[in-house]
Protein backbone atom coordinates (compact mmCIF):
# COMPACT_ATOMS: atom_id res chain seq x y z
CA UNK A 1 18.80 -0.83 -10.19
CA UNK A 2 20.26 -4.75 -10.27
CA UNK A 3 23.33 -4.26 -12.13
CA UNK A 4 24.15 -0.66 -10.25
CA UNK A 5 23.73 -2.74 -6.79
CA UNK A 6 25.58 -5.68 -7.83
CA UNK A 7 29.16 -3.90 -7.19
CA UNK A 8 31.58 -6.35 -7.59
CA UNK A 9 30.03 -7.45 -10.85
CA UNK A 10 29.73 -11.20 -8.96
CA UNK A 11 26.38 -11.87 -11.39
CA UNK A 12 24.46 -11.82 -7.07
CA UNK A 13 23.81 -8.99 -4.56
CA UNK A 14 24.77 -9.65 -1.13
CA UNK A 15 23.45 -8.06 1.79
CA UNK A 16 26.31 -5.84 2.37
CA UNK A 17 25.95 -4.34 -1.26
CA UNK A 18 21.98 -4.01 -0.66
CA UNK A 19 22.54 -2.11 2.51
CA UNK A 20 25.27 -0.06 0.55
CA UNK A 21 22.54 1.20 -1.93
CA UNK A 22 19.81 1.97 0.81
CA UNK A 23 20.50 5.59 0.63
CA UNK A 24 20.75 5.82 -3.36
CA UNK A 25 17.73 7.75 -4.77
CA UNK A 26 16.81 4.66 -7.40
CA UNK A 27 16.60 2.60 -4.37
CA UNK A 28 13.91 4.94 -2.30
CA UNK A 29 11.97 4.67 -5.56
CA UNK A 30 11.47 0.91 -5.51
CA UNK A 31 10.93 0.65 -2.04
CA UNK A 32 7.97 3.43 -2.56
CA UNK A 33 6.86 1.68 -5.39
CA UNK A 34 6.54 -1.03 -3.84
CA UNK A 35 4.99 0.96 -0.92
CA UNK A 36 7.40 -0.90 2.16
CA UNK A 37 9.62 1.30 4.18
CA UNK A 38 12.91 1.30 3.81
CA UNK A 39 13.28 0.24 7.42
CA UNK A 40 11.68 -3.26 6.16
CA UNK A 41 15.05 -3.63 3.77
CA UNK A 42 16.72 -6.61 5.33
CA UNK A 43 13.14 -8.54 5.86
CA UNK A 44 12.71 -8.06 2.22
CA UNK A 45 16.04 -8.97 1.14
CA UNK A 46 15.98 -12.28 2.82
CA UNK A 47 12.42 -12.41 1.14
CA UNK A 48 13.77 -12.25 -2.32
CA UNK A 49 16.69 -15.00 -1.54
CA UNK A 50 14.38 -17.49 -1.99
CA UNK A 51 16.91 -20.05 -2.24
CA UNK A 52 18.88 -18.85 0.94
CA UNK A 53 22.13 -18.51 -0.45
CA UNK A 54 22.54 -15.17 1.05
CA UNK A 55 22.42 -13.36 -2.07
CA UNK A 56 20.29 -11.92 -4.81
CA UNK A 57 20.62 -13.68 -8.46
CA UNK A 58 18.62 -12.00 -11.48
CA UNK A 59 16.30 -14.35 -11.37
CA UNK A 60 15.52 -13.82 -7.66
CA UNK A 61 15.51 -10.36 -8.24
CA UNK A 62 13.02 -10.17 -10.70
CA UNK A 63 10.77 -12.73 -9.55
CA UNK A 64 10.73 -10.54 -6.72
CA UNK A 65 9.62 -7.53 -7.98
CA UNK A 66 6.96 -9.10 -9.74
CA UNK A 67 5.84 -10.82 -6.76
CA UNK A 68 5.78 -7.36 -4.88
CA UNK A 69 3.31 -5.60 -7.77
CA UNK A 70 -0.20 -5.46 -7.82
CA UNK A 71 -2.89 -4.74 -5.18
CA UNK A 72 -2.37 -8.66 -3.56
CA UNK A 73 1.22 -7.15 -2.63
CA UNK A 74 0.96 -6.16 0.76
CA UNK A 75 -0.74 -9.79 1.95
CA UNK A 76 1.94 -11.64 0.07
CA UNK A 77 4.74 -9.95 0.99
CA UNK A 78 3.03 -10.66 4.62
CA UNK A 79 2.71 -14.76 3.96
CA UNK A 80 6.35 -14.77 2.97
CA UNK A 81 7.65 -12.76 5.69
CA UNK A 82 5.50 -15.19 7.73
CA UNK A 83 7.02 -18.38 6.20
CA UNK A 84 10.63 -16.89 6.26
CA UNK A 85 10.32 -16.40 10.04
CA UNK A 86 8.51 -20.05 10.60
CA UNK A 87 11.54 -21.40 8.13
CA UNK A 88 14.21 -19.55 10.42
CA UNK A 89 12.30 -21.74 13.60
CA UNK A 90 13.24 -24.66 12.61
């Protein structure tokens, strides 16, 4: 999924690249797997972009996928979203 989304082969995924793939069946499967609505894609992107660089590198992508698996994922995601929103206010 990462390699197919990184259209410019830069090694990172920009929001523009990520957004362009939202209609792709693999992306729909990914969102279904992590039990998120596709409408939450931008929030997810910013949550995975831990260093706030505006793009996701392979390490951030893998770590984000791992964090969003398992029974605690909903509370983890809610916590991360709250932390992200707080940081945006600073």
